[in-house]
């Protein structure tokens, strides 16, 4: 489901990315944009991504996650009292 949401947001569009400098295994973390729209924000807002509090550059991501959780959006609808995702490996 998360992959489908990401695909719907970015498929066929030109993206721009801003690396954060963090790496997980061999993958670099980045903020993804289409125009001014931040895909990271959109996925957190829809309840399909977490804001990593220890590493987040943006308080906005934390606020969006809290709103998604309170509204039981996305995966929060199924796991309202716990994180429905694996812990990040930073």
N, C-alpha and C. Protein backbone atom coordinates (compact mmCIF):
# COMPACT_ATOMS: atom_id res chain seq x y z
N UNK A 1 0.82 -1.19 0.00
CA UNK A 1 0.00 0.00 0.00
C UNK A 1 0.87 1.26 0.00
N UNK A 2 1.93 1.26 0.82
CA UNK A 2 2.81 2.43 0.86
C UNK A 2 3.46 2.64 -0.49
N UNK A 3 3.90 1.55 -1.12
CA UNK A 3 4.52 1.67 -2.44
C UNK A 3 3.54 2.26 -3.45
N UNK A 4 2.29 1.84 -3.38
CA UNK A 4 1.28 2.36 -4.31
C UNK A 4 1.06 3.85 -4.07
N UNK A 5 1.02 4.28 -2.80
CA UNK A 5 0.85 5.71 -2.50
C UNK A 5 2.03 6.51 -3.05
N UNK A 6 3.24 6.01 -2.85
CA UNK A 6 4.43 6.70 -3.37
C UNK A 6 4.37 6.77 -4.89
N UNK A 7 4.01 5.66 -5.50
CA UNK A 7 3.93 5.60 -6.96
C UNK A 7 2.92 6.62 -7.48
N UNK A 8 1.76 6.70 -6.83
CA UNK A 8 0.73 7.66 -7.26
C UNK A 8 1.21 9.10 -7.17
N UNK A 9 2.05 9.39 -6.19
CA UNK A 9 2.55 10.75 -6.02
C UNK A 9 3.63 11.13 -7.03
N UNK A 10 4.48 10.16 -7.41
CA UNK A 10 5.65 10.53 -8.21
C UNK A 10 5.71 9.98 -9.62
N UNK A 11 4.93 8.96 -9.93
CA UNK A 11 5.05 8.32 -11.24
C UNK A 11 4.87 9.31 -12.38
N UNK A 12 5.81 9.30 -13.31
CA UNK A 12 5.74 10.13 -14.50
C UNK A 12 6.08 11.59 -14.27
N UNK A 13 6.54 11.93 -13.08
CA UNK A 13 6.85 13.33 -12.77
C UNK A 13 8.35 13.52 -12.58
N UNK A 14 8.81 14.72 -12.79
CA UNK A 14 10.21 15.04 -12.55
C UNK A 14 10.36 15.36 -11.07
N UNK A 15 11.27 14.65 -10.42
CA UNK A 15 11.49 14.88 -9.00
C UNK A 15 12.83 15.57 -8.77
N UNK A 16 12.94 16.17 -7.61
CA UNK A 16 14.20 16.76 -7.15
C UNK A 16 14.40 16.23 -5.75
N UNK A 17 15.64 16.01 -5.36
CA UNK A 17 15.87 15.49 -4.02
C UNK A 17 16.95 16.27 -3.30
N UNK A 18 16.85 16.28 -1.98
CA UNK A 18 17.81 16.97 -1.12
C UNK A 18 18.32 15.94 -0.11
N UNK A 19 19.54 15.44 -0.29
CA UNK A 19 20.08 14.46 0.65
C UNK A 19 20.21 15.05 2.05
N UNK A 20 19.95 14.23 3.06
CA UNK A 20 20.09 14.67 4.44
C UNK A 20 21.48 14.40 4.99
N UNK A 21 22.23 13.56 4.30
CA UNK A 21 23.56 13.18 4.78
C UNK A 21 23.53 11.90 5.61
N UNK A 22 22.34 11.39 5.89
CA UNK A 22 22.20 10.15 6.66
C UNK A 22 22.13 8.96 5.72
N UNK A 23 22.66 7.83 6.19
CA UNK A 23 22.62 6.61 5.38
C UNK A 23 22.07 5.47 6.22
N UNK A 24 21.30 4.60 5.57
CA UNK A 24 20.83 3.36 6.16
C UNK A 24 21.36 2.26 5.24
N UNK A 25 22.25 1.43 5.77
CA UNK A 25 22.95 0.45 4.95
C UNK A 25 23.60 1.18 3.77
N UNK A 26 23.24 0.85 2.55
CA UNK A 26 23.82 1.52 1.38
C UNK A 26 22.89 2.56 0.78
N UNK A 27 21.79 2.86 1.45
CA UNK A 27 20.83 3.83 0.93
C UNK A 27 20.99 5.17 1.64
N UNK A 28 21.00 6.24 0.87
CA UNK A 28 21.08 7.59 1.44
C UNK A 28 19.68 8.14 1.63
N UNK A 29 19.47 8.78 2.77
CA UNK A 29 18.17 9.40 3.06
C UNK A 29 18.10 10.75 2.36
N UNK A 30 16.91 11.08 1.86
CA UNK A 30 16.73 12.37 1.18
C UNK A 30 15.29 12.83 1.29
N UNK A 31 15.10 14.13 1.14
CA UNK A 31 13.77 14.69 0.99
C UNK A 31 13.49 14.75 -0.51
N UNK A 32 12.31 14.29 -0.91
CA UNK A 32 11.93 14.22 -2.31
C UNK A 32 10.88 15.29 -2.59
N UNK A 33 11.06 16.03 -3.68
CA UNK A 33 10.14 17.11 -4.04
C UNK A 33 9.66 16.97 -5.48
N UNK A 34 8.42 17.35 -5.70
CA UNK A 34 7.87 17.58 -7.04
C UNK A 34 7.39 19.02 -7.00
N UNK A 35 8.11 19.89 -7.68
CA UNK A 35 7.84 21.31 -7.54
C UNK A 35 8.09 21.70 -6.09
N UNK A 36 7.10 22.30 -5.45
CA UNK A 36 7.23 22.69 -4.04
C UNK A 36 6.66 21.64 -3.10
N UNK A 37 6.04 20.60 -3.64
CA UNK A 37 5.43 19.55 -2.83
C UNK A 37 6.49 18.59 -2.31
N UNK A 38 6.58 18.45 -0.99
CA UNK A 38 7.52 17.52 -0.37
C UNK A 38 6.82 16.16 -0.21
N UNK A 39 7.32 15.17 -0.92
CA UNK A 39 6.71 13.84 -0.89
C UNK A 39 6.83 13.23 0.50
N UNK A 40 7.93 13.47 1.19
CA UNK A 40 8.10 12.97 2.55
C UNK A 40 6.96 13.46 3.43
N UNK A 41 6.65 14.77 3.36
CA UNK A 41 5.56 15.34 4.14
C UNK A 41 4.24 14.67 3.79
N UNK A 42 4.00 14.47 2.51
CA UNK A 42 2.73 13.89 2.07
C UNK A 42 2.56 12.47 2.59
N UNK A 43 3.62 11.66 2.56
CA UNK A 43 3.51 10.28 3.05
C UNK A 43 3.29 10.24 4.56
N UNK A 44 3.95 11.12 5.30
CA UNK A 44 3.74 11.20 6.75
C UNK A 44 2.32 11.66 7.03
N UNK A 45 1.86 12.67 6.30
CA UNK A 45 0.51 13.22 6.49
C UNK A 45 -0.57 12.16 6.23
N UNK A 46 -0.32 11.28 5.25
CA UNK A 46 -1.29 10.23 4.92
C UNK A 46 -1.19 9.03 5.86
N UNK A 47 -0.19 9.04 6.74
CA UNK A 47 -0.04 7.94 7.69
C UNK A 47 0.73 6.76 7.14
N UNK A 48 1.56 6.98 6.11
CA UNK A 48 2.31 5.90 5.50
C UNK A 48 3.82 6.03 5.68
N UNK A 49 4.25 6.95 6.55
CA UNK A 49 5.67 7.09 6.86
C UNK A 49 5.78 7.71 8.25
N UNK A 50 6.92 7.48 8.91
CA UNK A 50 7.18 8.02 10.23
C UNK A 50 8.15 9.20 10.17
N UNK A 51 8.00 10.10 11.10
CA UNK A 51 9.00 11.15 11.31
C UNK A 51 10.01 10.57 12.30
N UNK A 52 11.27 10.51 11.92
CA UNK A 52 12.30 10.00 12.81
C UNK A 52 12.71 11.14 13.72
N UNK A 53 12.23 11.11 14.94
CA UNK A 53 12.40 12.24 15.84
C UNK A 53 13.86 12.58 16.14
N UNK A 54 14.70 11.59 16.30
CA UNK A 54 16.09 11.84 16.64
C UNK A 54 16.86 12.48 15.48
N UNK A 55 16.39 12.28 14.27
CA UNK A 55 17.14 12.74 13.10
C UNK A 55 16.39 13.75 12.24
N UNK A 56 15.13 14.01 12.58
CA UNK A 56 14.31 14.85 11.71
C UNK A 56 14.83 16.28 11.66
N UNK A 57 14.96 16.80 10.44
CA UNK A 57 15.35 18.19 10.25
C UNK A 57 14.14 19.11 10.40
N UNK A 58 12.97 18.53 10.39
CA UNK A 58 11.76 19.33 10.32
C UNK A 58 10.78 19.00 11.43
N UNK A 59 10.48 19.98 12.25
CA UNK A 59 9.43 19.80 13.25
C UNK A 59 8.09 19.55 12.57
N UNK A 60 7.97 20.02 11.33
CA UNK A 60 6.74 19.84 10.57
C UNK A 60 6.41 18.36 10.40
N UNK A 61 7.42 17.51 10.14
CA UNK A 61 7.17 16.08 9.98
C UNK A 61 6.59 15.48 11.25
N UNK A 62 7.10 15.90 12.39
CA UNK A 62 6.60 15.39 13.67
C UNK A 62 5.15 15.81 13.87
N UNK A 63 4.82 17.06 13.56
CA UNK A 63 3.44 17.54 13.69
C UNK A 63 2.51 16.80 12.74
N UNK A 64 2.98 16.56 11.51
CA UNK A 64 2.15 15.83 10.53
C UNK A 64 1.89 14.40 10.99
N UNK A 65 2.91 13.76 11.58
CA UNK A 65 2.73 12.40 12.08
C UNK A 65 1.72 12.38 13.22
N UNK A 66 1.82 13.33 14.13
CA UNK A 66 0.90 13.38 15.26
C UNK A 66 -0.54 13.58 14.79
N UNK A 67 -0.74 14.42 13.77
CA UNK A 67 -2.07 14.63 13.20
C UNK A 67 -2.59 13.36 12.54
N UNK A 68 -1.74 12.68 11.78
CA UNK A 68 -2.14 11.43 11.11
C UNK A 68 -2.53 10.38 12.15
N UNK A 69 -1.75 10.29 13.22
CA UNK A 69 -2.05 9.32 14.27
C UNK A 69 -3.37 9.66 14.96
N UNK A 70 -3.57 10.94 15.30
CA UNK A 70 -4.81 11.37 15.96
C UNK A 70 -6.03 11.13 15.07
N UNK A 71 -5.85 11.29 13.77
CA UNK A 71 -6.94 11.11 12.81
C UNK A 71 -7.07 9.66 12.34
N UNK A 72 -6.16 8.79 12.83
CA UNK A 72 -6.15 7.37 12.45
C UNK A 72 -6.08 7.19 10.94
N UNK A 73 -5.16 7.94 10.34
CA UNK A 73 -4.97 7.85 8.88
C UNK A 73 -3.96 6.76 8.54
N UNK A 74 -4.11 6.22 7.35
CA UNK A 74 -3.15 5.24 6.85
C UNK A 74 -3.02 4.06 7.78
N UNK A 75 -1.78 3.70 8.05
CA UNK A 75 -1.54 2.54 8.90
C UNK A 75 -1.90 2.79 10.36
N UNK A 76 -2.01 4.06 10.75
CA UNK A 76 -2.44 4.37 12.12
C UNK A 76 -3.87 3.90 12.37
N UNK A 77 -4.65 3.72 11.32
CA UNK A 77 -6.02 3.22 11.47
C UNK A 77 -6.01 1.80 12.04
N UNK A 78 -4.96 1.06 11.76
CA UNK A 78 -4.86 -0.33 12.21
C UNK A 78 -4.06 -0.48 13.48
N UNK A 79 -3.16 0.47 13.74
CA UNK A 79 -2.28 0.40 14.90
C UNK A 79 -2.28 1.74 15.64
N UNK A 80 -3.41 2.18 16.18
CA UNK A 80 -3.48 3.54 16.75
C UNK A 80 -2.63 3.76 17.99
N UNK A 81 -2.28 2.71 18.72
CA UNK A 81 -1.54 2.89 19.96
C UNK A 81 -0.09 2.46 19.89
N UNK A 82 0.39 2.16 18.70
CA UNK A 82 1.79 1.76 18.55
C UNK A 82 2.30 2.14 17.18
N UNK A 83 3.60 2.10 17.03
CA UNK A 83 4.20 2.38 15.73
C UNK A 83 3.94 1.18 14.82
N UNK A 84 3.31 1.41 13.69
CA UNK A 84 3.02 0.29 12.78
C UNK A 84 4.17 -0.02 11.84
N UNK A 85 5.33 0.54 12.11
CA UNK A 85 6.47 0.41 11.22
C UNK A 85 7.66 -0.14 11.97
N UNK A 86 8.62 -0.67 11.27
CA UNK A 86 9.88 -1.10 11.87
C UNK A 86 10.66 0.13 12.30
N UNK A 87 11.45 -0.01 13.34
CA UNK A 87 12.32 1.08 13.78
C UNK A 87 13.39 1.34 12.72
N UNK A 88 13.70 2.59 12.44
CA UNK A 88 14.77 2.87 11.47
C UNK A 88 16.12 2.41 12.02
N UNK A 89 17.02 2.06 11.13
CA UNK A 89 18.34 1.57 11.54
C UNK A 89 19.39 2.63 11.31
N UNK A 90 19.41 3.64 12.16
CA UNK A 90 20.40 4.70 12.06
C UNK A 90 21.52 4.44 13.05
